[in-house]
């Protein structure tokens, strides 16, 4: 089985821009309660046009992200006993994630994190919001622990209930054992309708992992941004409303707003890491101790 069908993790993010091109001038500096309406039929055209590596990535993701797999990964990682690091140390650790097969790498990972945070900072958002932008992708260190790409990045979605047809490459779920389990393919599945997303198991990846690493340190809107920023079936396609409660809908206003900075701030312009570091180390110290468990 090919573990790394993408040339780099950036290929998934670049592909998101093909699916969700910027509307007007992005990022927008106003809190948006509603997301763009998307014609789900467009995904049938998108599926045909996507790059071969992206197609293979989602084939693997949709085949292997089962309820049992998610539970196993949660048991493996949520003990948070892999190592202890500070936030800036974790950023530097992520910076060692370099794919030698990708000839087009232009910016180190740490600079991509700073691009997002700086866009939020210049929009005069709260300090916790800036920090959420800085750290939101740190869960990608899972790749440094030999996790395959399909278990680190990609659109996230609930497991243990019916897969929404609004998930990109939906047909690939037919190879997933859960697809043929009647108990797991009802609208609510193993959950109660309206139970709230906190009671729902999401597909495994960097979002869910980082949420558990930082959940004791950041305010609720930041935690929703971190946990659900890759959940495009919900925050861009409006799927899985049957599982959400009023608290989720309130907090997804922040997730929707964060998406503009997550998607539309990547640039080729270099970031002056040395000059920016004092500001961000001071910001980190407001919310985090010197070391946290990973």
Protein backbone atom coordinates (compact mmCIF):
# COMPACT_ATOMS: atom_id res chain seq x y z
CA UNK A 1 0.00 0.00 0.00
CA UNK A 2 1.33 3.44 -0.96
CA UNK A 3 1.52 5.47 2.24
CA UNK A 4 2.46 8.81 0.71
CA UNK A 5 0.62 9.39 -2.59
CA UNK A 6 0.92 13.19 -2.30
CA UNK A 7 4.20 14.79 -3.34
CA UNK A 8 3.97 16.77 -0.06
CA UNK A 9 1.35 17.69 2.52
CA UNK A 10 1.05 21.06 0.79
CA UNK A 11 -0.49 19.30 -2.21
CA UNK A 12 -3.65 18.60 -0.21
CA UNK A 13 -3.90 22.26 0.83
CA UNK A 14 -3.23 23.47 -2.71
CA UNK A 15 -5.96 21.15 -3.93
CA UNK A 16 -8.41 22.70 -1.47
CA UNK A 17 -7.94 25.98 -3.32
CA UNK A 18 -9.07 24.27 -6.52
CA UNK A 19 -12.24 23.18 -4.76
CA UNK A 20 -12.82 26.42 -2.86
CA UNK A 21 -11.32 29.31 -4.83
CA UNK A 22 -11.15 32.67 -3.10
CA UNK A 23 -14.21 34.88 -3.49
CA UNK A 24 -13.19 38.50 -3.96
CA UNK A 25 -10.46 39.83 -1.71
CA UNK A 26 -9.35 37.23 0.86
CA UNK A 27 -8.91 37.16 3.72
CA UNK A 28 -11.97 39.12 4.77
CA UNK A 29 -11.70 40.99 8.04
CA UNK A 30 -15.28 40.52 9.20
CA UNK A 31 -16.78 37.67 11.19
CA UNK A 32 -18.90 35.63 8.77
CA UNK A 33 -21.77 33.58 10.15
CA UNK A 34 -22.52 31.88 6.84
CA UNK A 35 -20.32 29.93 4.45
CA UNK A 36 -20.42 29.90 0.69
CA UNK A 37 -23.20 27.81 -0.79
CA UNK A 38 -21.65 24.98 -2.77
CA UNK A 39 -23.25 22.96 -5.54
CA UNK A 40 -22.54 19.37 -4.54
CA UNK A 41 -22.87 18.27 -8.17
CA UNK A 42 -19.63 20.18 -8.76
CA UNK A 43 -17.78 17.47 -6.86
CA UNK A 44 -18.54 14.98 -9.61
CA UNK A 45 -16.66 17.26 -12.01
CA UNK A 46 -13.94 17.88 -9.46
CA UNK A 47 -13.40 14.15 -8.95
CA UNK A 48 -12.67 13.73 -12.63
CA UNK A 49 -10.24 16.65 -12.74
CA UNK A 50 -8.26 16.07 -9.53
CA UNK A 51 -4.61 15.08 -9.71
CA UNK A 52 -3.80 11.35 -9.60
CA UNK A 53 -1.97 11.72 -6.28
CA UNK A 54 -4.98 13.45 -4.72
CA UNK A 55 -7.34 10.75 -5.99
CA UNK A 56 -5.13 8.03 -4.54
CA UNK A 57 -4.82 9.93 -1.25
CA UNK A 58 -8.60 10.08 -0.81
CA UNK A 59 -9.01 6.47 -1.93
CA UNK A 60 -6.75 5.40 0.95
CA UNK A 61 -8.28 7.87 3.40
CA UNK A 62 -11.84 6.79 2.72
CA UNK A 63 -11.01 3.09 2.71
CA UNK A 64 -9.07 3.00 5.98
CA UNK A 65 -10.65 5.69 8.17
CA UNK A 66 -12.97 3.26 9.94
CA UNK A 67 -14.54 3.57 13.37
CA UNK A 68 -12.16 0.89 14.64
CA UNK A 69 -9.13 2.69 13.17
CA UNK A 70 -10.12 5.97 14.83
CA UNK A 71 -10.56 4.29 18.19
CA UNK A 72 -7.17 2.60 17.84
CA UNK A 73 -5.41 5.88 17.01
CA UNK A 74 -7.07 7.67 19.90
CA UNK A 75 -5.84 4.93 22.22
CA UNK A 76 -2.36 5.16 20.72
CA UNK A 77 -1.91 8.93 20.82
CA UNK A 78 -4.27 10.51 23.34
CA UNK A 79 -2.22 9.29 26.28
CA UNK A 80 0.06 12.17 25.20
CA UNK A 81 3.18 10.29 26.13
CA UNK A 82 5.25 10.66 22.94
CA UNK A 83 7.36 13.57 24.20
CA UNK A 84 7.25 16.89 26.04
CA UNK A 85 7.82 20.12 24.10
CA UNK A 86 7.01 23.78 24.26
CA UNK A 87 4.95 25.30 21.44
CA UNK A 88 7.88 27.01 19.70
CA UNK A 89 9.92 23.84 20.10
CA UNK A 90 7.10 21.90 18.44
CA UNK A 91 7.10 24.39 15.57
CA UNK A 92 10.80 23.81 15.07
CA UNK A 93 10.23 20.07 15.29
CA UNK A 94 7.55 20.29 12.58
CA UNK A 95 10.02 22.27 10.52
CA UNK A 96 12.07 19.09 10.12
CA UNK A 97 9.22 17.67 8.02
CA UNK A 98 10.77 17.99 4.58
CA UNK A 99 9.73 15.78 1.69
CA UNK A 100 12.77 15.21 -0.50
CA UNK A 101 10.54 14.03 -3.34
CA UNK A 102 9.00 17.48 -3.71
CA UNK A 103 11.17 19.73 -5.91
CA UNK A 104 8.89 22.72 -5.44
CA UNK A 105 9.17 23.27 -1.67
CA UNK A 106 9.74 26.98 -1.21
CA UNK A 107 8.92 27.78 2.42
CA UNK A 108 9.71 25.88 5.60
CA UNK A 109 6.70 24.69 7.63
CA UNK A 110 7.33 27.28 10.35
CA UNK A 111 6.93 30.09 7.83
CA UNK A 112 3.56 28.76 6.70
CA UNK A 113 2.43 28.86 10.35
CA UNK A 114 3.63 32.43 10.68
CA UNK A 115 1.89 33.49 7.48
CA UNK A 116 -1.48 32.45 8.90
CA UNK A 117 -0.81 34.05 12.28
CA UNK A 118 0.44 37.30 10.77
CA UNK A 119 -2.64 37.65 8.56
CA UNK A 120 -4.83 37.26 11.64
CA UNK A 121 -2.65 39.65 13.63
CA UNK A 122 -2.89 42.34 10.94
CA UNK A 123 -6.66 41.95 10.95
CA UNK A 124 -6.61 43.06 14.61
CA UNK A 125 -8.13 39.85 15.92
CA UNK A 126 -7.80 38.82 19.60
CA UNK A 127 -4.49 37.46 20.79
CA UNK A 128 -5.90 33.97 21.33
CA UNK A 129 -7.09 34.00 17.70
CA UNK A 130 -3.60 34.89 16.50
CA UNK A 131 -2.18 32.05 18.57
CA UNK A 132 -4.74 29.60 17.17
CA UNK A 133 -3.56 30.55 13.69
CA UNK A 134 0.03 29.98 14.69
CA UNK A 135 -0.48 26.49 16.09
CA UNK A 136 -3.44 25.07 14.15
CA UNK A 137 -1.33 22.76 11.94
CA UNK A 138 1.12 21.54 14.59
CA UNK A 139 -0.65 18.20 14.71
CA UNK A 140 1.08 17.39 11.43
CA UNK A 141 4.01 16.22 13.54
CA UNK A 142 2.16 12.89 13.32
CA UNK A 143 4.00 12.47 10.02
CA UNK A 144 7.28 12.53 11.94
CA UNK A 145 6.02 9.50 13.89
CA UNK A 146 5.60 7.53 10.67
CA UNK A 147 1.87 8.04 10.22
CA UNK A 148 0.74 7.87 6.57
CA UNK A 149 -0.50 11.05 4.94
CA UNK A 150 -4.10 9.83 4.85
CA UNK A 151 -4.04 9.58 8.67
CA UNK A 152 -2.65 13.11 9.11
CA UNK A 153 -4.28 15.47 6.59
CA UNK A 154 -7.34 15.51 4.37
CA UNK A 155 -10.93 16.60 4.86
CA UNK A 156 -12.22 15.27 8.17
CA UNK A 157 -15.67 13.80 8.80
CA UNK A 158 -17.61 11.90 11.47
CA UNK A 159 -17.19 8.13 11.67
CA UNK A 160 -19.75 5.75 13.16
CA UNK A 161 -22.62 7.11 11.09
CA UNK A 162 -23.60 7.44 7.44
CA UNK A 163 -20.95 9.03 5.24
CA UNK A 164 -22.31 12.20 3.69
CA UNK A 165 -22.42 12.30 -0.11
CA UNK A 166 -21.06 15.84 0.23
CA UNK A 167 -17.65 14.44 1.21
CA UNK A 168 -15.25 14.71 -1.70
CA UNK A 169 -14.64 11.37 -3.47
CA UNK A 170 -17.63 9.89 -1.66
CA UNK A 171 -17.66 6.77 -3.84
CA UNK A 172 -14.31 5.69 -2.37
CA UNK A 173 -16.11 4.87 0.88
CA UNK A 174 -17.54 1.76 -0.78
CA UNK A 175 -14.24 0.01 0.02
CA UNK A 176 -14.54 0.94 3.71
CA UNK A 177 -15.86 -1.94 5.88
CA UNK A 178 -18.11 0.48 7.78
CA UNK A 179 -19.92 1.36 4.54
CA UNK A 180 -21.58 -2.07 4.55
CA UNK A 181 -22.43 -2.12 8.27
CA UNK A 182 -26.12 -1.15 8.57
CA UNK A 183 -25.68 -0.02 12.17
CA UNK A 184 -23.04 2.51 11.11
CA UNK A 185 -24.84 3.82 8.05
CA UNK A 186 -27.97 5.35 9.52
CA UNK A 187 -28.22 9.12 9.68
CA UNK A 188 -27.19 9.25 13.35
CA UNK A 189 -25.38 5.90 13.51
CA UNK A 190 -24.03 5.16 16.98
CA UNK A 191 -24.98 8.65 18.19
CA UNK A 192 -28.16 10.44 19.22
CA UNK A 193 -29.55 13.12 16.92
CA UNK A 194 -28.54 16.55 18.19
CA UNK A 195 -25.99 15.08 20.60
CA UNK A 196 -23.35 17.68 19.72
CA UNK A 197 -20.04 17.16 17.94
CA UNK A 198 -18.17 16.74 21.20
CA UNK A 199 -19.88 13.33 21.45
CA UNK A 200 -18.94 12.38 17.88
CA UNK A 201 -15.77 10.59 16.80
CA UNK A 202 -14.08 12.34 13.88
CA UNK A 203 -11.78 10.76 11.31
CA UNK A 204 -8.23 10.71 12.64
CA UNK A 205 -5.76 13.43 11.70
CA UNK A 206 -3.78 16.45 12.78
CA UNK A 207 -6.88 18.43 13.80
CA UNK A 208 -8.20 15.92 16.32
CA UNK A 209 -4.76 15.15 17.72
CA UNK A 210 -3.79 18.79 18.30
CA UNK A 211 -7.15 19.55 19.89
CA UNK A 212 -6.42 17.02 22.62
CA UNK A 213 -2.89 18.36 23.08
CA UNK A 214 -4.03 21.96 23.66
CA UNK A 215 -7.60 21.62 24.98
CA UNK A 216 -6.63 22.65 28.53
CA UNK A 217 -4.98 25.89 27.42
CA UNK A 218 -7.06 27.65 24.76
CA UNK A 219 -10.57 29.22 24.84
CA UNK A 220 -13.52 27.36 23.25
CA UNK A 221 -13.63 29.25 19.92
CA UNK A 222 -9.92 28.52 19.35
CA UNK A 223 -10.47 24.85 20.15
CA UNK A 224 -13.29 24.61 17.61
CA UNK A 225 -11.04 26.23 14.99
CA UNK A 226 -8.27 23.74 15.72
CA UNK A 227 -10.51 20.68 15.91
CA UNK A 228 -12.72 21.32 12.89
CA UNK A 229 -10.74 23.50 10.47
CA UNK A 230 -10.39 20.55 8.06
CA UNK A 231 -14.02 19.47 8.43
CA UNK A 232 -15.09 20.88 5.07
CA UNK A 233 -18.17 18.63 4.89
CA UNK A 234 -19.60 20.62 7.80
CA UNK A 235 -18.24 24.13 7.58
CA UNK A 236 -18.40 24.45 3.79
CA UNK A 237 -20.98 21.84 2.72
CA UNK A 238 -23.40 22.07 5.69
CA UNK A 239 -23.48 18.28 6.16
CA UNK A 240 -24.08 16.46 9.47
CA UNK A 241 -26.45 19.09 10.83
CA UNK A 242 -28.38 16.24 12.49
CA UNK A 243 -25.48 15.66 14.90
CA UNK A 244 -24.88 19.28 15.84
CA UNK A 245 -26.38 21.22 18.73
CA UNK A 246 -26.81 24.95 19.29
CA UNK A 247 -23.37 25.23 20.89
CA UNK A 248 -21.77 23.76 17.77
CA UNK A 249 -23.61 26.17 15.49
CA UNK A 250 -22.53 29.09 17.66
CA UNK A 251 -18.89 28.01 17.61
CA UNK A 252 -18.85 27.20 13.89
CA UNK A 253 -19.20 30.90 13.22
CA UNK A 254 -15.58 31.07 14.37
CA UNK A 255 -14.58 28.02 12.35
CA UNK A 256 -16.06 29.56 9.21
CA UNK A 257 -14.28 32.81 9.88
CA UNK A 258 -10.96 31.08 10.50
CA UNK A 259 -11.20 29.25 7.18
CA UNK A 260 -10.36 32.41 5.22
CA UNK A 261 -7.00 32.68 6.96
CA UNK A 262 -6.33 28.95 6.77
CA UNK A 263 -6.94 28.74 3.01
CA UNK A 264 -6.02 32.08 1.53
CA UNK A 265 -2.88 33.32 3.29
CA UNK A 266 -0.19 31.05 1.84
CA UNK A 267 2.32 33.14 -0.09
CA UNK A 268 5.80 32.71 -1.54
CA UNK A 269 6.97 35.74 0.44
CA UNK A 270 9.52 34.76 3.09
CA UNK A 271 8.82 35.41 6.76
CA UNK A 272 11.47 36.91 9.04
CA UNK A 273 11.34 34.21 11.68
CA UNK A 274 14.06 35.77 13.85
CA UNK A 275 12.31 39.15 13.97
CA UNK A 276 8.87 37.65 14.66
CA UNK A 277 9.97 35.13 17.27
CA UNK A 278 9.99 37.48 20.34
CA UNK A 279 6.38 38.55 19.72
CA UNK A 280 5.18 34.99 19.32
CA UNK A 281 7.14 33.57 22.22
CA UNK A 282 5.57 36.25 24.43
CA UNK A 283 2.13 35.37 23.04
CA UNK A 284 2.68 31.66 23.61
CA UNK A 285 3.71 32.28 27.22
CA UNK A 286 0.34 33.92 27.94
CA UNK A 287 -1.48 30.64 27.30
CA UNK A 288 0.97 27.77 27.61
CA UNK A 289 3.51 26.55 30.16
CA UNK A 290 7.11 26.01 29.12
CA UNK A 291 6.47 22.37 28.22
CA UNK A 292 3.32 20.45 27.37
CA UNK A 293 2.66 16.78 26.64
CA UNK A 294 2.44 15.49 23.07
